[in-house]
Each structure stands twice: as structure tokens, then as C-alpha cells.
């Protein structure tokens, strides 16, 4: 929640973003058996974390605040790369 406050995310949008992450995680799990769903989830997560990094940069957050989003972007991109 602290990261959401840092980037000035309204509470109602935070709920939606949380649901998106849950759906993406579910898609990655299902993707272990249905490859196209896993690929779609990896694409979605990569886009999500690109936007998250952008949100942190927009508010001039310190590197310490941006690093978790960068790390998750790297993991999402690696997941996508291995699923193609």
C-alpha cells in the first residue's frame, strides 16, 4: 500500500490493480497447462510493471522505491521470454 500512496494511486484504483495482479497470477498458474493463457498473463504482467515503473518515475521516486517494480518487471519479462 505504501508504493500506491507514493505514486498517488486512489484507493478505488488500488483495489482494481490488486484484482489485476490476482488475475495475472491465476493466469500464470493456469498457463502451466494452457500455454496461451500463460503467455497472455505474462504479457499483461509485463505491461503492468512497465506502467508501475513509469508511475514511480513520474513522481520522482527514489531508486529504493522503484527497485521492487523493476525486479517484478524483470521477472515478468523473463517469464514472457521463456513462454514464446
C-alpha atoms as a PDB file:
ATOM      1  CA  UNK A   1       0.000   0.000   0.000  1.00  0.00           C
ATOM      2  CA  UNK A   2       2.937   2.315   0.646  1.00  0.00           C
ATOM      3  CA  UNK A   3       4.029   2.135  -3.009  1.00  0.00           C
ATOM      4  CA  UNK A   4       0.483   3.026  -4.094  1.00  0.00           C
ATOM      5  CA  UNK A   5       0.499   6.052  -1.797  1.00  0.00           C
ATOM      6  CA  UNK A   6       3.893   7.114  -3.141  1.00  0.00           C
ATOM      7  CA  UNK A   7       2.577   7.227  -6.725  1.00  0.00           C
ATOM      8  CA  UNK A   8      -0.699   8.883  -5.586  1.00  0.00           C
ATOM      9  CA  UNK A   9      -2.921   5.945  -6.519  1.00  0.00           C
ATOM     10  CA  UNK A  10      -6.548   6.485  -5.436  1.00  0.00           C
ATOM     11  CA  UNK A  11      -7.888   3.737  -3.122  1.00  0.00           C
ATOM     12  CA  UNK A  12     -10.550   2.544  -5.581  1.00  0.00           C
ATOM     13  CA  UNK A  13      -7.904   2.120  -8.294  1.00  0.00           C
ATOM     14  CA  UNK A  14      -5.684   0.200  -5.869  1.00  0.00           C
ATOM     15  CA  UNK A  15      -8.446  -2.379  -5.499  1.00  0.00           C
ATOM     16  CA  UNK A  16      -8.670  -2.775  -9.280  1.00  0.00           C
ATOM     17  CA  UNK A  17      -4.894  -3.083  -9.590  1.00  0.00           C
ATOM     18  CA  UNK A  18      -4.873  -5.757  -6.895  1.00  0.00           C
ATOM     19  CA  UNK A  19      -7.537  -7.720  -8.762  1.00  0.00           C
ATOM     20  CA  UNK A  20      -5.489  -7.436 -11.960  1.00  0.00           C
ATOM     21  CA  UNK A  21      -2.464  -8.909 -10.189  1.00  0.00           C
ATOM     22  CA  UNK A  22      -4.561 -11.766  -8.784  1.00  0.00           C
ATOM     23  CA  UNK A  23      -5.952 -12.492 -12.253  1.00  0.00           C
ATOM     24  CA  UNK A  24      -2.458 -12.425 -13.739  1.00  0.00           C
ATOM     25  CA  UNK A  25      -1.113 -14.784 -11.080  1.00  0.00           C
ATOM     26  CA  UNK A  26      -4.023 -17.140 -11.754  1.00  0.00           C
ATOM     27  CA  UNK A  27      -3.262 -16.902 -15.482  1.00  0.00           C
ATOM     28  CA  UNK A  28       0.363 -17.850 -14.878  1.00  0.00           C
ATOM     29  CA  UNK A  29      -0.688 -20.891 -12.859  1.00  0.00           C
ATOM     30  CA  UNK A  30      -3.210 -21.969 -15.499  1.00  0.00           C
ATOM     31  CA  UNK A  31      -0.519 -21.256 -18.081  1.00  0.00           C
ATOM     32  CA  UNK A  32       1.453 -24.203 -16.776  1.00  0.00           C
ATOM     33  CA  UNK A  33      -1.049 -26.383 -18.639  1.00  0.00           C
ATOM     34  CA  UNK A  34      -2.554 -23.950 -21.206  1.00  0.00           C
ATOM     35  CA  UNK A  35       0.422 -22.161 -22.748  1.00  0.00           C
ATOM     36  CA  UNK A  36      -1.524 -19.392 -24.498  1.00  0.00           C
ATOM     37  CA  UNK A  37      -3.125 -18.292 -21.230  1.00  0.00           C
ATOM     38  CA  UNK A  38       0.264 -18.210 -19.541  1.00  0.00           C
ATOM     39  CA  UNK A  39       1.701 -16.136 -22.375  1.00  0.00           C
ATOM     40  CA  UNK A  40      -1.210 -13.695 -22.189  1.00  0.00           C
ATOM     41  CA  UNK A  41      -0.745 -13.393 -18.416  1.00  0.00           C
ATOM     42  CA  UNK A  42       2.991 -12.774 -18.838  1.00  0.00           C
ATOM     43  CA  UNK A  43       2.280 -10.052 -21.431  1.00  0.00           C
ATOM     44  CA  UNK A  44      -0.241  -8.445 -19.088  1.00  0.00           C
ATOM     45  CA  UNK A  45       2.129  -8.512 -16.137  1.00  0.00           C
ATOM     46  CA  UNK A  46       4.958  -7.069 -18.202  1.00  0.00           C
ATOM     47  CA  UNK A  47       2.731  -4.177 -19.281  1.00  0.00           C
ATOM     48  CA  UNK A  48       1.514  -3.726 -15.692  1.00  0.00           C
ATOM     49  CA  UNK A  49       5.044  -3.425 -14.334  1.00  0.00           C
ATOM     50  CA  UNK A  50       6.236  -1.156 -17.172  1.00  0.00           C
ATOM     51  CA  UNK A  51       3.422   1.180 -16.145  1.00  0.00           C
ATOM     52  CA  UNK A  52       4.331   0.751 -12.457  1.00  0.00           C
ATOM     53  CA  UNK A  53       7.938   1.739 -13.128  1.00  0.00           C
ATOM     54  CA  UNK A  54       6.660   4.699 -15.143  1.00  0.00           C
ATOM     55  CA  UNK A  55       4.404   5.774 -12.269  1.00  0.00           C
ATOM     56  CA  UNK A  56       7.354   5.745  -9.867  1.00  0.00           C
ATOM     57  CA  UNK A  57       9.487   7.733 -12.292  1.00  0.00           C
ATOM     58  CA  UNK A  58       6.646  10.236 -12.840  1.00  0.00           C
ATOM     59  CA  UNK A  59       6.595  11.133  -9.138  1.00  0.00           C
ATOM     60  CA  UNK A  60      10.407  11.145  -8.989  1.00  0.00           C
ATOM     61  CA  UNK A  61      10.501   8.274  -6.513  1.00  0.00           C
ATOM     62  CA  UNK A  62      13.895   7.233  -5.200  1.00  0.00           C
ATOM     63  CA  UNK A  63      15.611   4.134  -6.573  1.00  0.00           C
ATOM     64  CA  UNK A  64      14.748   2.264  -3.368  1.00  0.00           C
ATOM     65  CA  UNK A  65      11.057   2.764  -4.160  1.00  0.00           C
ATOM     66  CA  UNK A  66      11.390   1.844  -7.834  1.00  0.00           C
ATOM     67  CA  UNK A  67      13.501  -1.300  -7.395  1.00  0.00           C
ATOM     68  CA  UNK A  68      10.635  -3.667  -6.465  1.00  0.00           C
ATOM     69  CA  UNK A  69       8.739  -2.707  -9.620  1.00  0.00           C
ATOM     70  CA  UNK A  70      11.904  -3.073 -11.713  1.00  0.00           C
ATOM     71  CA  UNK A  71      12.541  -6.502 -10.200  1.00  0.00           C
ATOM     72  CA  UNK A  72       8.997  -7.666 -10.899  1.00  0.00           C
ATOM     73  CA  UNK A  73       9.254  -6.282 -14.443  1.00  0.00           C
ATOM     74  CA  UNK A  74      12.416  -8.314 -14.972  1.00  0.00           C
ATOM     75  CA  UNK A  75      10.720 -11.473 -13.700  1.00  0.00           C
ATOM     76  CA  UNK A  76       7.623 -10.834 -15.827  1.00  0.00           C
ATOM     77  CA  UNK A  77       9.731 -10.197 -18.930  1.00  0.00           C
ATOM     78  CA  UNK A  78      11.771 -13.350 -18.286  1.00  0.00           C
ATOM     79  CA  UNK A  79       8.565 -15.367 -17.887  1.00  0.00           C
ATOM     80  CA  UNK A  80       7.283 -13.941 -21.160  1.00  0.00           C
ATOM     81  CA  UNK A  81      10.571 -14.641 -22.950  1.00  0.00           C
ATOM     82  CA  UNK A  82      10.596 -18.270 -21.852  1.00  0.00           C
ATOM     83  CA  UNK A  83       6.970 -18.779 -22.900  1.00  0.00           C
ATOM     84  CA  UNK A  84       7.500 -17.651 -26.510  1.00  0.00           C
END
